[in-house]
Amino acid sequence: MGELLRDKIAIITGAGQQPGATPGNGRATAIRFAQEGATCVLVDINGDWAEETREMIGGDRSIVVAGDITKETTCQHIVQQTLDRFGRIDVLHNNVGQSKGDRATPDLDVEAWDAIMTLNLKAMFMLVKAALPSMRDTGAGSIVNISSTASFSMRPTVAYKTSKGAINTFTQHLAAENARFGVRANAILPGLIDTPMAIERRAVESGRPREDIRAERNALVPMGHMGEAWDVANAAVFLASDEAKYVTGALLPVDGGLLVKRG
């Protein structure tokens, strides 16, 4: 076991995952946080999926709080459960997001826009709002938001990109607003990552073999292959830890050079 997050209390949203051959970002982050000594509050709308993550970590290093974070009462409940059980919040890792139903601007249903914005952005805001008072009172804390390289790169669809661009702005606002309270805020911008959400959903929706989808995505990356959820998780460990105590407002790509192609 490592020491980078020793004795820290971390809330991780999206800590469960749909079935797939590879780990998702939330599960990988929860495992790495626990390996580095953190006690993890594993949040997921699917309690069984979060419980699977808890079993991988070990029951003494985590608890599960199941719920829908698009509801403000759920966000408040998650924070209160953490404070009641552990007395403080050291890390808030916002990992939940979706792009289901996204389309080009003239083709996008308003309902799909609302669903993407609510889960990707509004839920993050509500969790941060609920957790910030305790972090400010403690005089320390790390907020890590999962954005995407899609926030900077060209995409054929509008809502997901817009939500992730807003996360970047939100993160930098939080950094400026809360620096004097000792609370840091940073964002990770994953590129093409081999996760169940990325691969399994596309395979089901397109009816195409998973390996064909992987090959296409690998070919887009300058390093020649997609990343793994562990790459995102390791970046999250750094930003959550005191090794990054002077880092706030950063937008950190984890993308194998994908954004460099813009140059």
C-alpha atoms as a PDB file:
ATOM      1  CA  MET A   1       0.000   0.000   0.000  1.00  0.00           C
ATOM      2  CA  GLY A   2       1.156   3.511  -0.810  1.00  0.00           C
ATOM      3  CA  GLU A   3       1.078   6.588   1.380  1.00  0.00           C
ATOM      4  CA  LEU A   4       0.079   9.471  -0.910  1.00  0.00           C
ATOM      5  CA  LEU A   5      -3.508   9.572   0.390  1.00  0.00           C
ATOM      6  CA  ARG A   6      -2.929   8.133   3.821  1.00  0.00           C
ATOM      7  CA  ASP A   7      -5.822   8.888   6.206  1.00  0.00           C
ATOM      8  CA  LYS A   8      -7.682  11.000   3.644  1.00  0.00           C
ATOM      9  CA  ILE A   9     -11.462  10.724   3.282  1.00  0.00           C
ATOM     10  CA  ALA A  10     -12.492  10.711  -0.374  1.00  0.00           C
ATOM     11  CA  ILE A  11     -15.909  10.821  -2.014  1.00  0.00           C
ATOM     12  CA  ILE A  12     -15.827   9.213  -5.470  1.00  0.00           C
ATOM     13  CA  THR A  13     -18.871   9.447  -7.720  1.00  0.00           C
ATOM     14  CA  GLY A  14     -19.414   6.880 -10.437  1.00  0.00           C
ATOM     15  CA  ALA A  15     -17.416   4.385  -8.384  1.00  0.00           C
ATOM     16  CA  GLY A  16     -19.291   1.424  -9.808  1.00  0.00           C
ATOM     17  CA  GLN A  17     -19.400   0.541 -13.478  1.00  0.00           C
ATOM     18  CA  GLN A  18     -21.302  -1.348 -16.102  1.00  0.00           C
ATOM     19  CA  PRO A  19     -19.956  -4.784 -17.022  1.00  0.00           C
ATOM     20  CA  GLY A  20     -17.001  -4.862 -19.391  1.00  0.00           C
ATOM     21  CA  ALA A  21     -13.577  -6.305 -20.032  1.00  0.00           C
ATOM     22  CA  THR A  22     -11.705  -3.286 -18.659  1.00  0.00           C
ATOM     23  CA  PRO A  23     -12.117  -1.128 -15.543  1.00  0.00           C
ATOM     24  CA  GLY A  24     -13.929   2.182 -15.713  1.00  0.00           C
ATOM     25  CA  ASN A  25     -12.395   5.446 -14.557  1.00  0.00           C
ATOM     26  CA  GLY A  26     -14.407   5.601 -11.341  1.00  0.00           C
ATOM     27  CA  ARG A  27     -13.639   2.071 -10.225  1.00  0.00           C
ATOM     28  CA  ALA A  28      -9.957   2.378 -11.097  1.00  0.00           C
ATOM     29  CA  THR A  29      -9.739   5.651  -9.177  1.00  0.00           C
ATOM     30  CA  ALA A  30     -11.416   4.138  -6.119  1.00  0.00           C
ATOM     31  CA  ILE A  31      -8.996   1.216  -6.154  1.00  0.00           C
ATOM     32  CA  ARG A  32      -5.952   3.474  -6.535  1.00  0.00           C
ATOM     33  CA  PHE A  33      -7.154   5.846  -3.818  1.00  0.00           C
ATOM     34  CA  ALA A  34      -7.552   2.928  -1.429  1.00  0.00           C
ATOM     35  CA  GLN A  35      -4.136   1.558  -2.389  1.00  0.00           C
ATOM     36  CA  GLU A  36      -2.669   4.937  -1.461  1.00  0.00           C
ATOM     37  CA  GLY A  37      -4.311   4.860   1.964  1.00  0.00           C
ATOM     38  CA  ALA A  38      -7.599   6.710   1.464  1.00  0.00           C
ATOM     39  CA  THR A  39     -10.919   5.741   2.970  1.00  0.00           C
ATOM     40  CA  CYS A  40     -13.408   5.894   0.105  1.00  0.00           C
ATOM     41  CA  VAL A  41     -17.088   6.799  -0.015  1.00  0.00           C
ATOM     42  CA  LEU A  42     -18.221   4.973  -3.143  1.00  0.00           C
ATOM     43  CA  VAL A  43     -21.163   6.681  -4.827  1.00  0.00           C
ATOM     44  CA  ASP A  44     -23.142   5.210  -7.697  1.00  0.00           C
ATOM     45  CA  ILE A  45     -26.744   5.136  -8.829  1.00  0.00           C
ATOM     46  CA  ASN A  46     -26.351   1.342  -8.998  1.00  0.00           C
ATOM     47  CA  GLY A  47     -25.540   0.171  -5.484  1.00  0.00           C
ATOM     48  CA  ASP A  48     -24.630  -3.336  -6.637  1.00  0.00           C
ATOM     49  CA  TRP A  49     -21.957  -1.982  -8.978  1.00  0.00           C
ATOM     50  CA  ALA A  50     -20.521   0.158  -6.196  1.00  0.00           C
ATOM     51  CA  GLU A  51     -20.594  -2.817  -3.864  1.00  0.00           C
ATOM     52  CA  GLU A  52     -18.471  -4.764  -6.366  1.00  0.00           C
ATOM     53  CA  THR A  53     -15.898  -1.977  -6.168  1.00  0.00           C
ATOM     54  CA  ARG A  54     -16.057  -2.033  -2.363  1.00  0.00           C
ATOM     55  CA  GLU A  55     -15.352  -5.771  -2.351  1.00  0.00           C
ATOM     56  CA  MET A  56     -12.302  -5.207  -4.543  1.00  0.00           C
ATOM     57  CA  ILE A  57     -11.021  -2.537  -2.176  1.00  0.00           C
ATOM     58  CA  GLY A  58     -11.896  -4.292   1.059  1.00  0.00           C
ATOM     59  CA  GLY A  59     -14.717  -3.414   3.401  1.00  0.00           C
ATOM     60  CA  ASP A  60     -12.543  -1.655   5.973  1.00  0.00           C
ATOM     61  CA  ARG A  61     -11.380   0.913   3.414  1.00  0.00           C
ATOM     62  CA  SER A  62     -14.715   1.993   1.949  1.00  0.00           C
ATOM     63  CA  ILE A  63     -18.459   2.441   2.291  1.00  0.00           C
ATOM     64  CA  VAL A  64     -21.161   2.560  -0.374  1.00  0.00           C
ATOM     65  CA  VAL A  65     -23.733   5.329  -0.732  1.00  0.00           C
ATOM     66  CA  ALA A  66     -26.151   4.571  -3.561  1.00  0.00           C
ATOM     67  CA  GLY A  67     -28.224   7.336  -5.091  1.00  0.00           C
ATOM     68  CA  ASP A  68     -29.087   9.585  -7.998  1.00  0.00           C
ATOM     69  CA  ILE A  69     -26.793  12.617  -7.882  1.00  0.00           C
ATOM     70  CA  THR A  70     -29.059  14.588 -10.216  1.00  0.00           C
ATOM     71  CA  LYS A  71     -31.177  15.155  -7.089  1.00  0.00           C
ATOM     72  CA  GLU A  72     -29.921  17.831  -4.692  1.00  0.00           C
ATOM     73  CA  THR A  73     -31.242  15.899  -1.702  1.00  0.00           C
ATOM     74  CA  THR A  74     -29.064  12.945  -2.733  1.00  0.00           C
ATOM     75  CA  CYS A  75     -25.972  15.158  -2.974  1.00  0.00           C
ATOM     76  CA  GLN A  76     -26.677  16.561   0.472  1.00  0.00           C
ATOM     77  CA  HIS A  77     -27.221  13.040   1.815  1.00  0.00           C
ATOM     78  CA  ILE A  78     -23.879  11.821   0.412  1.00  0.00           C
ATOM     79  CA  VAL A  79     -22.018  14.663   2.088  1.00  0.00           C
ATOM     80  CA  GLN A  80     -23.878  14.289   5.377  1.00  0.00           C
ATOM     81  CA  GLN A  81     -23.290  10.525   5.448  1.00  0.00           C
ATOM     82  CA  THR A  82     -19.577  11.145   4.944  1.00  0.00           C
ATOM     83  CA  LEU A  83     -19.401  13.771   7.665  1.00  0.00           C
ATOM     84  CA  ASP A  84     -21.441  11.679  10.103  1.00  0.00           C
ATOM     85  CA  ARG A  85     -19.222   8.656   9.547  1.00  0.00           C
ATOM     86  CA  PHE A  86     -15.782  10.240   9.169  1.00  0.00           C
ATOM     87  CA  GLY A  87     -16.029  13.838  10.339  1.00  0.00           C
ATOM     88  CA  ARG A  88     -14.562  15.546   7.273  1.00  0.00           C
ATOM     89  CA  ILE A  89     -14.109  15.463   3.491  1.00  0.00           C
ATOM     90  CA  ASP A  90     -10.565  15.680   2.148  1.00  0.00           C
ATOM     91  CA  VAL A  91     -11.213  14.803  -1.500  1.00  0.00           C
ATOM     92  CA  LEU A  92     -14.251  15.148  -3.751  1.00  0.00           C
ATOM     93  CA  HIS A  93     -13.735  13.275  -7.012  1.00  0.00           C
ATOM     94  CA  ASN A  94     -16.499  14.038  -9.526  1.00  0.00           C
ATOM     95  CA  ASN A  95     -16.436  11.281 -12.128  1.00  0.00           C
ATOM     96  CA  VAL A  96     -19.997  10.860 -13.429  1.00  0.00           C
ATOM     97  CA  GLY A  97     -20.870  11.797 -17.004  1.00  0.00           C
ATOM     98  CA  GLN A  98     -22.728  10.715 -20.101  1.00  0.00           C
ATOM     99  CA  SER A  99     -23.158  11.508 -23.791  1.00  0.00           C
ATOM    100  CA  LYS A 100     -26.202   9.332 -24.515  1.00  0.00           C
ATOM    101  CA  GLY A 101     -28.581  10.967 -26.980  1.00  0.00           C
ATOM    102  CA  ASP A 102     -26.121  13.640 -28.111  1.00  0.00           C
ATOM    103  CA  ARG A 103     -26.567  14.902 -31.652  1.00  0.00           C
ATOM    104  CA  ALA A 104     -25.579  17.702 -33.989  1.00  0.00           C
ATOM    105  CA  THR A 105     -27.161  20.995 -32.913  1.00  0.00           C
ATOM    106  CA  PRO A 106     -30.232  21.007 -35.206  1.00  0.00           C
ATOM    107  CA  ASP A 107     -30.951  17.349 -34.458  1.00  0.00           C
ATOM    108  CA  LEU A 108     -30.558  17.360 -30.682  1.00  0.00           C
ATOM    109  CA  ASP A 109     -33.683  16.898 -28.589  1.00  0.00           C
ATOM    110  CA  VAL A 110     -34.093  19.417 -25.801  1.00  0.00           C
ATOM    111  CA  GLU A 111     -34.710  16.529 -23.400  1.00  0.00           C
ATOM    112  CA  ALA A 112     -31.356  14.975 -24.308  1.00  0.00           C
ATOM    113  CA  TRP A 113     -29.608  18.346 -23.826  1.00  0.00           C
ATOM    114  CA  ASP A 114     -31.179  18.670 -20.386  1.00  0.00           C
ATOM    115  CA  ALA A 115     -30.254  15.111 -19.370  1.00  0.00           C
ATOM    116  CA  ILE A 116     -26.603  15.518 -20.396  1.00  0.00           C
ATOM    117  CA  MET A 117     -26.252  18.930 -18.766  1.00  0.00           C
ATOM    118  CA  THR A 118     -27.977  17.774 -15.594  1.00  0.00           C
ATOM    119  CA  LEU A 119     -25.752  14.751 -15.054  1.00  0.00           C
ATOM    120  CA  ASN A 120     -22.468  16.148 -16.349  1.00  0.00           C
ATOM    121  CA  LEU A 121     -22.626  19.667 -14.928  1.00  0.00           C
ATOM    122  CA  LYS A 122     -25.519  20.371 -12.561  1.00  0.00           C
ATOM    123  CA  ALA A 123     -24.897  17.251 -10.454  1.00  0.00           C
ATOM    124  CA  MET A 124     -21.230  18.221 -10.109  1.00  0.00           C
ATOM    125  CA  PHE A 125     -22.212  21.711  -8.987  1.00  0.00           C
ATOM    126  CA  MET A 126     -24.662  20.339  -6.412  1.00  0.00           C
ATOM    127  CA  LEU A 127     -22.084  17.999  -4.900  1.00  0.00           C
ATOM    128  CA  VAL A 128     -19.462  20.719  -4.742  1.00  0.00           C
ATOM    129  CA  LYS A 129     -21.974  23.095  -3.174  1.00  0.00           C
ATOM    130  CA  ALA A 130     -22.799  20.510  -0.513  1.00  0.00           C
ATOM    131  CA  ALA A 131     -19.168  19.626   0.253  1.00  0.00           C
ATOM    132  CA  LEU A 132     -17.544  23.072   0.176  1.00  0.00           C
ATOM    133  CA  PRO A 133     -18.665  24.366   3.590  1.00  0.00           C
ATOM    134  CA  SER A 134     -16.984  21.468   5.383  1.00  0.00           C
ATOM    135  CA  MET A 135     -13.816  21.773   3.278  1.00  0.00           C
ATOM    136  CA  ARG A 136     -13.644  25.515   3.942  1.00  0.00           C
ATOM    137  CA  ASP A 137     -14.120  24.958   7.662  1.00  0.00           C
ATOM    138  CA  THR A 138     -11.296  22.411   7.640  1.00  0.00           C
ATOM    139  CA  GLY A 139      -9.068  24.773   5.684  1.00  0.00           C
ATOM    140  CA  ALA A 140      -8.062  22.113   3.182  1.00  0.00           C
ATOM    141  CA  GLY A 141      -9.439  19.897   0.474  1.00  0.00           C
ATOM    142  CA  SER A 142      -9.040  18.779  -3.105  1.00  0.00           C
ATOM    143  CA  ILE A 143     -11.797  18.800  -5.710  1.00  0.00           C
ATOM    144  CA  VAL A 144     -10.996  16.763  -8.825  1.00  0.00           C
ATOM    145  CA  ASN A 145     -13.451  17.062 -11.712  1.00  0.00           C
ATOM    146  CA  ILE A 146     -13.452  14.769 -14.721  1.00  0.00           C
ATOM    147  CA  SER A 147     -13.756  16.802 -17.900  1.00  0.00           C
ATOM    148  CA  SER A 148     -12.687  15.612 -21.364  1.00  0.00           C
ATOM    149  CA  THR A 149     -10.412  16.496 -24.259  1.00  0.00           C
ATOM    150  CA  ALA A 150     -13.723  16.892 -26.108  1.00  0.00           C
ATOM    151  CA  SER A 151     -13.936  20.291 -24.414  1.00  0.00           C
ATOM    152  CA  PHE A 152     -11.165  21.513 -26.741  1.00  0.00           C
ATOM    153  CA  SER A 153     -11.394  19.270 -29.800  1.00  0.00           C
ATOM    154  CA  MET A 154     -13.860  19.205 -32.668  1.00  0.00           C
ATOM    155  CA  ARG A 155     -16.861  16.907 -32.225  1.00  0.00           C
ATOM    156  CA  PRO A 156     -19.893  16.129 -34.396  1.00  0.00           C
ATOM    157  CA  THR A 157     -22.247  16.574 -31.434  1.00  0.00           C
ATOM    158  CA  VAL A 158     -22.905  19.552 -29.186  1.00  0.00           C
ATOM    159  CA  ALA A 159     -24.133  18.812 -25.651  1.00  0.00           C
ATOM    160  CA  TYR A 160     -21.324  16.642 -24.289  1.00  0.00           C
ATOM    161  CA  LYS A 161     -18.635  19.029 -25.552  1.00  0.00           C
ATOM    162  CA  THR A 162     -20.477  22.022 -24.133  1.00  0.00           C
ATOM    163  CA  SER A 163     -20.934  20.379 -20.740  1.00  0.00           C
ATOM    164  CA  LYS A 164     -17.243  19.500 -20.516  1.00  0.00           C
ATOM    165  CA  GLY A 165     -16.191  22.997 -21.546  1.00  0.00           C
ATOM    166  CA  ALA A 166     -18.391  24.312 -18.753  1.00  0.00           C
ATOM    167  CA  ILE A 167     -16.708  21.921 -16.304  1.00  0.00           C
ATOM    168  CA  ASN A 168     -13.345  23.474 -17.211  1.00  0.00           C
ATOM    169  CA  THR A 169     -14.691  26.953 -16.492  1.00  0.00           C
ATOM    170  CA  PHE A 170     -16.412  25.791 -13.307  1.00  0.00           C
ATOM    171  CA  THR A 171     -13.188  24.178 -12.088  1.00  0.00           C
ATOM    172  CA  GLN A 172     -11.126  27.297 -12.652  1.00  0.00           C
ATOM    173  CA  HIS A 173     -13.758  29.408 -10.944  1.00  0.00           C
ATOM    174  CA  LEU A 174     -13.692  27.075  -7.932  1.00  0.00           C
ATOM    175  CA  ALA A 175      -9.906  27.291  -7.816  1.00  0.00           C
ATOM    176  CA  ALA A 176      -9.932  31.087  -7.731  1.00  0.00           C
ATOM    177  CA  GLU A 177     -12.874  31.324  -5.374  1.00  0.00           C
ATOM    178  CA  ASN A 178     -11.589  28.858  -2.796  1.00  0.00           C
ATOM    179  CA  ALA A 179      -7.801  29.261  -2.805  1.00  0.00           C
ATOM    180  CA  ARG A 180      -7.931  31.516   0.241  1.00  0.00           C
ATOM    181  CA  PHE A 181      -9.778  28.752   2.112  1.00  0.00           C
ATOM    182  CA  GLY A 182      -7.075  26.186   1.336  1.00  0.00           C
ATOM    183  CA  VAL A 183      -9.349  24.254  -1.047  1.00  0.00           C
ATOM    184  CA  ARG A 184      -7.889  23.291  -4.429  1.00  0.00           C
ATOM    185  CA  ALA A 185      -9.832  22.459  -7.606  1.00  0.00           C
ATOM    186  CA  ASN A 186      -8.431  20.804 -10.722  1.00  0.00           C
ATOM    187  CA  ALA A 187      -9.801  18.939 -13.719  1.00  0.00           C
ATOM    188  CA  ILE A 188      -8.591  15.883 -15.605  1.00  0.00           C
ATOM    189  CA  LEU A 189      -9.259  15.800 -19.332  1.00  0.00           C
ATOM    190  CA  PRO A 190      -9.200  12.158 -20.449  1.00  0.00           C
ATOM    191  CA  GLY A 191      -8.766  11.461 -24.123  1.00  0.00           C
ATOM    192  CA  LEU A 192      -9.670   8.134 -25.686  1.00  0.00           C
ATOM    193  CA  ILE A 193      -9.728   5.650 -22.787  1.00  0.00           C
ATOM    194  CA  ASP A 194     -10.530   1.942 -23.047  1.00  0.00           C
ATOM    195  CA  THR A 195     -13.430   1.706 -20.594  1.00  0.00           C
ATOM    196  CA  PRO A 196     -16.739  -0.173 -20.689  1.00  0.00           C
ATOM    197  CA  MET A 197     -18.647   3.079 -21.188  1.00  0.00           C
ATOM    198  CA  ALA A 198     -16.510   3.936 -24.208  1.00  0.00           C
ATOM    199  CA  ILE A 199     -16.343   0.496 -25.816  1.00  0.00           C
ATOM    200  CA  GLU A 200     -19.377  -1.533 -24.726  1.00  0.00           C
ATOM    201  CA  ARG A 201     -21.896   1.227 -25.438  1.00  0.00           C
ATOM    202  CA  ARG A 202     -20.507   1.894 -28.906  1.00  0.00           C
ATOM    203  CA  ALA A 203     -20.458  -1.823 -29.703  1.00  0.00           C
ATOM    204  CA  VAL A 204     -24.079  -2.242 -28.667  1.00  0.00           C
ATOM    205  CA  GLU A 205     -25.311   0.906 -30.405  1.00  0.00           C
ATOM    206  CA  SER A 206     -23.466   0.219 -33.660  1.00  0.00           C
ATOM    207  CA  GLY A 207     -23.694  -3.588 -33.710  1.00  0.00           C
ATOM    208  CA  ARG A 208     -19.991  -3.733 -34.528  1.00  0.00           C
ATOM    209  CA  PRO A 209     -17.222  -5.879 -32.999  1.00  0.00           C
ATOM    210  CA  ARG A 210     -15.482  -4.371 -29.989  1.00  0.00           C
ATOM    211  CA  GLU A 211     -12.040  -4.917 -31.472  1.00  0.00           C
ATOM    212  CA  ASP A 212     -12.960  -2.911 -34.570  1.00  0.00           C
ATOM    213  CA  ILE A 213     -13.994  -0.019 -32.348  1.00  0.00           C
ATOM    214  CA  ARG A 214     -10.776  -0.318 -30.343  1.00  0.00           C
ATOM    215  CA  ALA A 215      -8.664  -0.352 -33.507  1.00  0.00           C
ATOM    216  CA  GLU A 216     -10.343   2.797 -34.845  1.00  0.00           C
ATOM    217  CA  ARG A 217      -9.845   4.651 -31.580  1.00  0.00           C
ATOM    218  CA  ASN A 218      -6.236   3.491 -31.203  1.00  0.00           C
ATOM    219  CA  ALA A 219      -5.437   4.866 -34.646  1.00  0.00           C
ATOM    220  CA  LEU A 220      -6.513   8.375 -33.614  1.00  0.00           C
ATOM    221  CA  VAL A 221      -3.986   8.701 -30.785  1.00  0.00           C
ATOM    222  CA  PRO A 222      -0.427   9.948 -31.448  1.00  0.00           C
ATOM    223  CA  MET A 223       0.958   7.344 -29.028  1.00  0.00           C
ATOM    224  CA  GLY A 224      -0.807   4.667 -31.076  1.00  0.00           C
ATOM    225  CA  HIS A 225      -3.192   3.326 -28.458  1.00  0.00           C
ATOM    226  CA  MET A 226      -5.955   4.334 -26.113  1.00  0.00           C
ATOM    227  CA  GLY A 227      -5.251   4.941 -22.466  1.00  0.00           C
ATOM    228  CA  GLU A 228      -6.423   2.836 -19.569  1.00  0.00           C
ATOM    229  CA  ALA A 229      -8.593   3.860 -16.656  1.00  0.00           C
ATOM    230  CA  TRP A 230      -5.475   3.447 -14.494  1.00  0.00           C
ATOM    231  CA  ASP A 231      -3.898   6.378 -16.346  1.00  0.00           C
ATOM    232  CA  VAL A 232      -6.792   8.615 -15.319  1.00  0.00           C
ATOM    233  CA  ALA A 233      -6.749   7.165 -11.801  1.00  0.00           C
ATOM    234  CA  ASN A 234      -3.040   7.853 -11.326  1.00  0.00           C
ATOM    235  CA  ALA A 235      -3.517  11.467 -12.384  1.00  0.00           C
ATOM    236  CA  ALA A 236      -6.362  11.709  -9.876  1.00  0.00           C
ATOM    237  CA  VAL A 237      -4.142  10.327  -7.104  1.00  0.00           C
ATOM    238  CA  PHE A 238      -1.599  13.059  -7.763  1.00  0.00           C
ATOM    239  CA  LEU A 239      -4.138  15.885  -7.833  1.00  0.00           C
ATOM    240  CA  ALA A 240      -5.874  14.597  -4.703  1.00  0.00           C
ATOM    241  CA  SER A 241      -2.625  14.247  -2.788  1.00  0.00           C
ATOM    242  CA  ASP A 242      -0.429  16.743  -0.963  1.00  0.00           C
ATOM    243  CA  GLU A 243       2.128  16.233  -3.734  1.00  0.00           C
ATOM    244  CA  ALA A 244      -0.106  18.665  -5.649  1.00  0.00           C
ATOM    245  CA  LYS A 245      -0.558  21.092  -2.742  1.00  0.00           C
ATOM    246  CA  TYR A 246       0.476  24.051  -4.946  1.00  0.00           C
ATOM    247  CA  VAL A 247      -1.579  22.964  -7.968  1.00  0.00           C
ATOM    248  CA  THR A 248      -5.017  24.499  -8.440  1.00  0.00           C
ATOM    249  CA  GLY A 249      -6.991  25.527 -11.499  1.00  0.00           C
ATOM    250  CA  ALA A 250      -5.143  23.042 -13.703  1.00  0.00           C
ATOM    251  CA  LEU A 251      -6.765  21.349 -16.697  1.00  0.00           C
ATOM    252  CA  LEU A 252      -4.668  18.194 -17.042  1.00  0.00           C
ATOM    253  CA  PRO A 253      -4.956  16.201 -20.296  1.00  0.00           C
ATOM    254  CA  VAL A 254      -4.486  12.437 -19.978  1.00  0.00           C
ATOM    255  CA  ASP A 255      -4.722  11.710 -23.667  1.00  0.00           C
ATOM    256  CA  GLY A 256      -1.600  10.172 -25.233  1.00  0.00           C
ATOM    257  CA  GLY A 257      -0.975  13.421 -27.114  1.00  0.00           C
ATOM    258  CA  LEU A 258      -4.445  13.700 -28.604  1.00  0.00           C
ATOM    259  CA  LEU A 259      -4.743  17.450 -28.014  1.00  0.00           C
ATOM    260  CA  VAL A 260      -1.279  18.043 -29.463  1.00  0.00           C
ATOM    261  CA  LYS A 261      -2.779  17.167 -32.862  1.00  0.00           C
ATOM    262  CA  ARG A 262      -4.550  20.515 -32.786  1.00  0.00           C
ATOM    263  CA  GLY A 263      -1.152  22.164 -33.292  1.00  0.00           C
END
